[in-house]
Amino acid sequence: GSNSWLAHWEQRAGHKANMCASCTSSAEVGGHVKKVGHDYSHYIVPLCKACNQRTDEFLVYEELVSAICD
């Protein structure tokens, strides 16, 4: 148990989330994302609140997704 999705990501990654996985803002929440063209699993990545509200397709830094998927 983690008390937030961001804490969950930090626990799985083994380090503190500093920056949003999509832009250069500070990470504020753990957001659910899916890899386009891959399986349809959901992944948690650190996001700023603005990116977490997006409903379009957008890029995230692969290493931040891979940090908890390996």
PDB file of N, CA and C in Angstrom:
ATOM      1  N   GLY A   1       0.445  -1.137   0.000  1.00  0.00           N
ATOM      2  CA  GLY A   1       0.000   0.000   0.000  1.00  0.00           C
ATOM      3  C   GLY A   1       0.533   1.362   0.000  1.00  0.00           C
ATOM      4  N   SER A   2       0.302   2.002  -1.094  1.00  0.00           N
ATOM      5  CA  SER A   2       0.632   3.415  -1.215  1.00  0.00           C
ATOM      6  C   SER A   2      -0.633   4.236  -1.036  1.00  0.00           C
ATOM      7  N   ASN A   3      -0.464   5.491  -0.610  1.00  0.00           N
ATOM      8  CA  ASN A   3      -1.636   6.323  -0.385  1.00  0.00           C
ATOM      9  C   ASN A   3      -1.984   7.199  -1.589  1.00  0.00           C
ATOM     10  N   SER A   4      -1.209   7.116  -2.666  1.00  0.00           N
ATOM     11  CA  SER A   4      -1.529   7.837  -3.898  1.00  0.00           C
ATOM     12  C   SER A   4      -0.866   7.107  -5.063  1.00  0.00           C
ATOM     13  N   TRP A   5      -1.321   7.390  -6.278  1.00  0.00           N
ATOM     14  CA  TRP A   5      -0.703   6.769  -7.454  1.00  0.00           C
ATOM     15  C   TRP A   5       0.721   7.268  -7.642  1.00  0.00           C
ATOM     16  N   LEU A   6       1.015   8.517  -7.274  1.00  0.00           N
ATOM     17  CA  LEU A   6       2.382   9.028  -7.382  1.00  0.00           C
ATOM     18  C   LEU A   6       3.291   8.293  -6.397  1.00  0.00           C
ATOM     19  N   ALA A   7       2.818   8.082  -5.177  1.00  0.00           N
ATOM     20  CA  ALA A   7       3.587   7.320  -4.191  1.00  0.00           C
ATOM     21  C   ALA A   7       3.793   5.883  -4.663  1.00  0.00           C
ATOM     22  N   HIS A   8       2.781   5.319  -5.310  1.00  0.00           N
ATOM     23  CA  HIS A   8       2.894   3.972  -5.871  1.00  0.00           C
ATOM     24  C   HIS A   8       4.017   3.929  -6.907  1.00  0.00           C
ATOM     25  N   TRP A   9       4.037   4.904  -7.814  1.00  0.00           N
ATOM     26  CA  TRP A   9       5.091   4.955  -8.827  1.00  0.00           C
ATOM     27  C   TRP A   9       6.461   5.079  -8.174  1.00  0.00           C
ATOM     28  N   GLU A  10       6.586   5.969  -7.196  1.00  0.00           N
ATOM     29  CA  GLU A  10       7.865   6.182  -6.516  1.00  0.00           C
ATOM     30  C   GLU A  10       8.333   4.911  -5.811  1.00  0.00           C
ATOM     31  N   GLN A  11       7.408   4.204  -5.200  1.00  0.00           N
ATOM     32  CA  GLN A  11       7.749   2.955  -4.518  1.00  0.00           C
ATOM     33  C   GLN A  11       8.252   1.918  -5.520  1.00  0.00           C
ATOM     34  N   ARG A  12       7.551   1.777  -6.641  1.00  0.00           N
ATOM     35  CA  ARG A  12       7.948   0.792  -7.658  1.00  0.00           C
ATOM     36  C   ARG A  12       9.233   1.189  -8.368  1.00  0.00           C
ATOM     37  N   ALA A  13       9.413   2.496  -8.640  1.00  0.00           N
ATOM     38  CA  ALA A  13      10.595   2.971  -9.357  1.00  0.00           C
ATOM     39  C   ALA A  13      11.827   3.017  -8.459  1.00  0.00           C
ATOM     40  N   GLY A  14      11.611   3.147  -7.164  1.00  0.00           N
ATOM     41  CA  GLY A  14      12.733   3.202  -6.233  1.00  0.00           C
ATOM     42  C   GLY A  14      13.350   4.581  -6.099  1.00  0.00           C
ATOM     43  N   HIS A  15      12.662   5.610  -6.567  1.00  0.00           N
ATOM     44  CA  HIS A  15      13.148   6.983  -6.403  1.00  0.00           C
ATOM     45  C   HIS A  15      11.998   7.972  -6.505  1.00  0.00           C
ATOM     46  N   LYS A  16      12.259   9.196  -6.084  1.00  0.00           N
ATOM     47  CA  LYS A  16      11.249  10.249  -6.069  1.00  0.00           C
ATOM     48  C   LYS A  16      10.959  10.731  -7.488  1.00  0.00           C
ATOM     49  N   ALA A  17       9.713  11.013  -7.760  1.00  0.00           N
ATOM     50  CA  ALA A  17       9.307  11.580  -9.050  1.00  0.00           C
ATOM     51  C   ALA A  17       9.551  13.084  -8.994  1.00  0.00           C
ATOM     52  N   ASN A  18      10.353  13.592  -9.919  1.00  0.00           N
ATOM     53  CA  ASN A  18      10.661  15.011  -9.931  1.00  0.00           C
ATOM     54  C   ASN A  18       9.911  15.754 -11.019  1.00  0.00           C
ATOM     55  N   MET A  19       9.885  15.177 -12.216  1.00  0.00           N
ATOM     56  CA  MET A  19       9.301  15.903 -13.333  1.00  0.00           C
ATOM     57  C   MET A  19       8.200  15.106 -13.995  1.00  0.00           C
ATOM     58  N   CYS A  20       7.292  15.838 -14.613  1.00  0.00           N
ATOM     59  CA  CYS A  20       6.191  15.249 -15.369  1.00  0.00           C
ATOM     60  C   CYS A  20       6.760  14.379 -16.479  1.00  0.00           C
ATOM     61  N   ALA A  21       6.139  13.260 -16.736  1.00  0.00           N
ATOM     62  CA  ALA A  21       6.594  12.339 -17.784  1.00  0.00           C
ATOM     63  C   ALA A  21       6.338  12.876 -19.189  1.00  0.00           C
ATOM     64  N   SER A  22       5.607  13.988 -19.301  1.00  0.00           N
ATOM     65  CA  SER A  22       5.267  14.522 -20.618  1.00  0.00           C
ATOM     66  C   SER A  22       5.852  15.901 -20.895  1.00  0.00           C
ATOM     67  N   CYS A  23       5.993  16.726 -19.872  1.00  0.00           N
ATOM     68  CA  CYS A  23       6.499  18.090 -20.089  1.00  0.00           C
ATOM     69  C   CYS A  23       7.570  18.395 -19.043  1.00  0.00           C
ATOM     70  N   THR A  24       7.979  19.618 -18.940  1.00  0.00           N
ATOM     71  CA  THR A  24       9.056  19.969 -18.009  1.00  0.00           C
ATOM     72  C   THR A  24       8.542  20.476 -16.667  1.00  0.00           C
ATOM     73  N   SER A  25       7.249  20.373 -16.407  1.00  0.00           N
ATOM     74  CA  SER A  25       6.677  20.794 -15.124  1.00  0.00           C
ATOM     75  C   SER A  25       7.000  19.775 -14.034  1.00  0.00           C
ATOM     76  N   SER A  26       6.775  20.163 -12.803  1.00  0.00           N
ATOM     77  CA  SER A  26       6.973  19.256 -11.667  1.00  0.00           C
ATOM     78  C   SER A  26       5.882  18.188 -11.649  1.00  0.00           C
ATOM     79  N   ALA A  27       6.257  16.996 -11.242  1.00  0.00           N
ATOM     80  CA  ALA A  27       5.283  15.910 -11.090  1.00  0.00           C
ATOM     81  C   ALA A  27       4.405  16.215  -9.882  1.00  0.00           C
ATOM     82  N   GLU A  28       3.091  16.109 -10.069  1.00  0.00           N
ATOM     83  CA  GLU A  28       2.148  16.388  -8.984  1.00  0.00           C
ATOM     84  C   GLU A  28       1.263  15.202  -8.660  1.00  0.00           C
ATOM     85  N   VAL A  29       1.013  14.340  -9.638  1.00  0.00           N
ATOM     86  CA  VAL A  29       0.120  13.195  -9.462  1.00  0.00           C
ATOM     87  C   VAL A  29       0.661  12.002 -10.239  1.00  0.00           C
ATOM     88  N   GLY A  30       0.141  10.841  -9.926  1.00  0.00           N
ATOM     89  CA  GLY A  30       0.419   9.659 -10.730  1.00  0.00           C
ATOM     90  C   GLY A  30      -0.746   9.474 -11.683  1.00  0.00           C
ATOM     91  N   GLY A  31      -0.474   9.478 -12.969  1.00  0.00           N
ATOM     92  CA  GLY A  31      -1.538   9.371 -13.959  1.00  0.00           C
ATOM     93  C   GLY A  31      -1.526   8.038 -14.676  1.00  0.00           C
ATOM     94  N   HIS A  32      -2.702   7.581 -15.080  1.00  0.00           N
ATOM     95  CA  HIS A  32      -2.838   6.342 -15.846  1.00  0.00           C
ATOM     96  C   HIS A  32      -2.620   6.642 -17.324  1.00  0.00           C
ATOM     97  N   VAL A  33      -1.746   5.874 -17.973  1.00  0.00           N
ATOM     98  CA  VAL A  33      -1.509   6.008 -19.412  1.00  0.00           C
ATOM     99  C   VAL A  33      -1.499   4.626 -20.047  1.00  0.00           C
ATOM    100  N   LYS A  34      -1.685   4.588 -21.361  1.00  0.00           N
ATOM    101  CA  LYS A  34      -1.585   3.352 -22.140  1.00  0.00           C
ATOM    102  C   LYS A  34      -0.568   3.581 -23.244  1.00  0.00           C
ATOM    103  N   LYS A  35       0.173   2.542 -23.610  1.00  0.00           N
ATOM    104  CA  LYS A  35       1.102   2.620 -24.729  1.00  0.00           C
ATOM    105  C   LYS A  35       0.330   2.399 -26.020  1.00  0.00           C
ATOM    106  N   VAL A  36       0.413   3.348 -26.928  1.00  0.00           N
ATOM    107  CA  VAL A  36      -0.273   3.241 -28.209  1.00  0.00           C
ATOM    108  C   VAL A  36       0.429   2.187 -29.056  1.00  0.00           C
ATOM    109  N   GLY A  37      -0.362   1.295 -29.658  1.00  0.00           N
ATOM    110  CA  GLY A  37       0.205   0.278 -30.539  1.00  0.00           C
ATOM    111  C   GLY A  37       0.793  -0.921 -29.824  1.00  0.00           C
ATOM    112  N   HIS A  38       0.696  -0.954 -28.517  1.00  0.00           N
ATOM    113  CA  HIS A  38       1.195  -2.086 -27.741  1.00  0.00           C
ATOM    114  C   HIS A  38       0.004  -2.758 -27.073  1.00  0.00           C
ATOM    115  N   ASP A  39       0.272  -3.432 -25.984  1.00  0.00           N
ATOM    116  CA  ASP A  39      -0.838  -4.021 -25.251  1.00  0.00           C
ATOM    117  C   ASP A  39      -1.731  -2.901 -24.704  1.00  0.00           C
ATOM    118  N   TYR A  40      -2.820  -3.246 -24.168  1.00  0.00           N
ATOM    119  CA  TYR A  40      -3.756  -2.237 -23.683  1.00  0.00           C
ATOM    120  C   TYR A  40      -3.716  -2.086 -22.161  1.00  0.00           C
ATOM    121  N   SER A  41      -2.585  -2.467 -21.573  1.00  0.00           N
ATOM    122  CA  SER A  41      -2.420  -2.306 -20.138  1.00  0.00           C
ATOM    123  C   SER A  41      -2.305  -0.833 -19.783  1.00  0.00           C
ATOM    124  N   HIS A  42      -2.743  -0.500 -18.594  1.00  0.00           N
ATOM    125  CA  HIS A  42      -2.567   0.849 -18.070  1.00  0.00           C
ATOM    126  C   HIS A  42      -1.292   0.889 -17.240  1.00  0.00           C
ATOM    127  N   TYR A  43      -0.583   2.000 -17.329  1.00  0.00           N
ATOM    128  CA  TYR A  43       0.634   2.209 -16.569  1.00  0.00           C
ATOM    129  C   TYR A  43       0.482   3.493 -15.776  1.00  0.00           C
ATOM    130  N   ILE A  44       1.184   3.592 -14.661  1.00  0.00           N
ATOM    131  CA  ILE A  44       1.195   4.803 -13.850  1.00  0.00           C
ATOM    132  C   ILE A  44       2.495   5.539 -14.140  1.00  0.00           C
ATOM    133  N   VAL A  45       2.394   6.826 -14.420  1.00  0.00           N
ATOM    134  CA  VAL A  45       3.577   7.670 -14.603  1.00  0.00           C
ATOM    135  C   VAL A  45       3.364   8.969 -13.845  1.00  0.00           C
ATOM    136  N   PRO A  46       4.452   9.624 -13.441  1.00  0.00           N
ATOM    137  CA  PRO A  46       4.316  10.921 -12.794  1.00  0.00           C
ATOM    138  C   PRO A  46       3.905  11.979 -13.816  1.00  0.00           C
ATOM    139  N   LEU A  47       2.880  12.750 -13.500  1.00  0.00           N
ATOM    140  CA  LEU A  47       2.401  13.800 -14.396  1.00  0.00           C
ATOM    141  C   LEU A  47       2.125  15.077 -13.609  1.00  0.00           C
ATOM    142  N   CYS A  48       2.159  16.215 -14.303  1.00  0.00           N
ATOM    143  CA  CYS A  48       1.661  17.455 -13.708  1.00  0.00           C
ATOM    144  C   CYS A  48       0.138  17.401 -13.823  1.00  0.00           C
ATOM    145  N   LYS A  49      -0.550  18.269 -13.116  1.00  0.00           N
ATOM    146  CA  LYS A  49      -2.018  18.237 -13.131  1.00  0.00           C
ATOM    147  C   LYS A  49      -2.575  18.561 -14.512  1.00  0.00           C
ATOM    148  N   ALA A  50      -1.914  19.454 -15.255  1.00  0.00           N
ATOM    149  CA  ALA A  50      -2.393  19.811 -16.596  1.00  0.00           C
ATOM    150  C   ALA A  50      -2.309  18.617 -17.543  1.00  0.00           C
ATOM    151  N   CYS A  51      -1.191  17.907 -17.551  1.00  0.00           N
ATOM    152  CA  CYS A  51      -1.055  16.740 -18.435  1.00  0.00           C
ATOM    153  C   CYS A  51      -1.986  15.617 -18.000  1.00  0.00           C
ATOM    154  N   ASN A  52      -2.242  15.494 -16.709  1.00  0.00           N
ATOM    155  CA  ASN A  52      -3.144  14.460 -16.226  1.00  0.00           C
ATOM    156  C   ASN A  52      -4.581  14.686 -16.700  1.00  0.00           C
ATOM    157  N   GLN A  53      -4.932  15.917 -17.032  1.00  0.00           N
ATOM    158  CA  GLN A  53      -6.277  16.231 -17.517  1.00  0.00           C
ATOM    159  C   GLN A  53      -6.434  16.029 -19.022  1.00  0.00           C
ATOM    160  N   ARG A  54      -5.345  15.791 -19.732  1.00  0.00           N
ATOM    161  CA  ARG A  54      -5.413  15.637 -21.183  1.00  0.00           C
ATOM    162  C   ARG A  54      -6.200  14.388 -21.568  1.00  0.00           C
ATOM    163  N   THR A  55      -6.929  14.476 -22.672  1.00  0.00           N
ATOM    164  CA  THR A  55      -7.689  13.328 -23.170  1.00  0.00           C
ATOM    165  C   THR A  55      -7.210  12.901 -24.551  1.00  0.00           C
ATOM    166  N   ASP A  56      -6.271  13.655 -25.118  1.00  0.00           N
ATOM    167  CA  ASP A  56      -5.715  13.308 -26.429  1.00  0.00           C
ATOM    168  C   ASP A  56      -4.511  12.380 -26.251  1.00  0.00           C
ATOM    169  N   GLU A  57      -3.984  11.882 -27.361  1.00  0.00           N
ATOM    170  CA  GLU A  57      -2.754  11.100 -27.302  1.00  0.00           C
ATOM    171  C   GLU A  57      -1.587  12.062 -27.136  1.00  0.00           C
ATOM    172  N   PHE A  58      -0.646  11.711 -26.257  1.00  0.00           N
ATOM    173  CA  PHE A  58       0.539  12.538 -26.065  1.00  0.00           C
ATOM    174  C   PHE A  58       1.706  11.650 -25.670  1.00  0.00           C
ATOM    175  N   LEU A  59       2.886  12.159 -25.881  1.00  0.00           N
ATOM    176  CA  LEU A  59       4.097  11.394 -25.606  1.00  0.00           C
ATOM    177  C   LEU A  59       4.499  11.515 -24.148  1.00  0.00           C
ATOM    178  N   VAL A  60       5.014  10.421 -23.613  1.00  0.00           N
ATOM    179  CA  VAL A  60       5.619  10.440 -22.283  1.00  0.00           C
ATOM    180  C   VAL A  60       7.016   9.838 -22.411  1.00  0.00           C
ATOM    181  N   TYR A  61       7.884  10.182 -21.487  1.00  0.00           N
ATOM    182  CA  TYR A  61       9.235   9.652 -21.492  1.00  0.00           C
ATOM    183  C   TYR A  61       9.201   8.160 -21.186  1.00  0.00           C
ATOM    184  N   GLU A  62       9.662   7.371 -22.131  1.00  0.00           N
ATOM    185  CA  GLU A  62       9.620   5.914 -22.035  1.00  0.00           C
ATOM    186  C   GLU A  62      10.289   5.389 -20.764  1.00  0.00           C
ATOM    187  N   GLU A  63      11.389   6.010 -20.367  1.00  0.00           N
ATOM    188  CA  GLU A  63      12.112   5.507 -19.186  1.00  0.00           C
ATOM    189  C   GLU A  63      11.276   5.650 -17.910  1.00  0.00           C
ATOM    190  N   LEU A  64      10.332   6.593 -17.878  1.00  0.00           N
ATOM    191  CA  LEU A  64       9.485   6.729 -16.693  1.00  0.00           C
ATOM    192  C   LEU A  64       8.396   5.666 -16.666  1.00  0.00           C
ATOM    193  N   VAL A  65       7.969   5.182 -17.832  1.00  0.00           N
ATOM    194  CA  VAL A  65       7.040   4.054 -17.899  1.00  0.00           C
ATOM    195  C   VAL A  65       7.807   2.777 -17.578  1.00  0.00           C
ATOM    196  N   SER A  66       8.980   2.621 -18.176  1.00  0.00           N
ATOM    197  CA  SER A  66       9.781   1.414 -17.989  1.00  0.00           C
ATOM    198  C   SER A  66      10.262   1.252 -16.562  1.00  0.00           C
ATOM    199  N   ALA A  67      10.335   2.347 -15.816  1.00  0.00           N
ATOM    200  CA  ALA A  67      10.830   2.274 -14.433  1.00  0.00           C
ATOM    201  C   ALA A  67       9.993   1.344 -13.581  1.00  0.00           C
ATOM    202  N   ILE A  68       8.723   1.168 -13.925  1.00  0.00           N
ATOM    203  CA  ILE A  68       7.876   0.290 -13.107  1.00  0.00           C
ATOM    204  C   ILE A  68       7.406  -0.943 -13.855  1.00  0.00           C
ATOM    205  N   CYS A  69       7.815  -1.102 -15.116  1.00  0.00           N
ATOM    206  CA  CYS A  69       7.327  -2.221 -15.914  1.00  0.00           C
ATOM    207  C   CYS A  69       8.333  -3.348 -16.035  1.00  0.00           C
ATOM    208  N   ASP A  70       9.578  -3.109 -15.685  1.00  0.00           N
ATOM    209  CA  ASP A  70      10.609  -4.134 -15.848  1.00  0.00           C
ATOM    210  C   ASP A  70      10.517  -5.214 -14.803  1.00  0.00           C
TER     211      ASP A  70
END
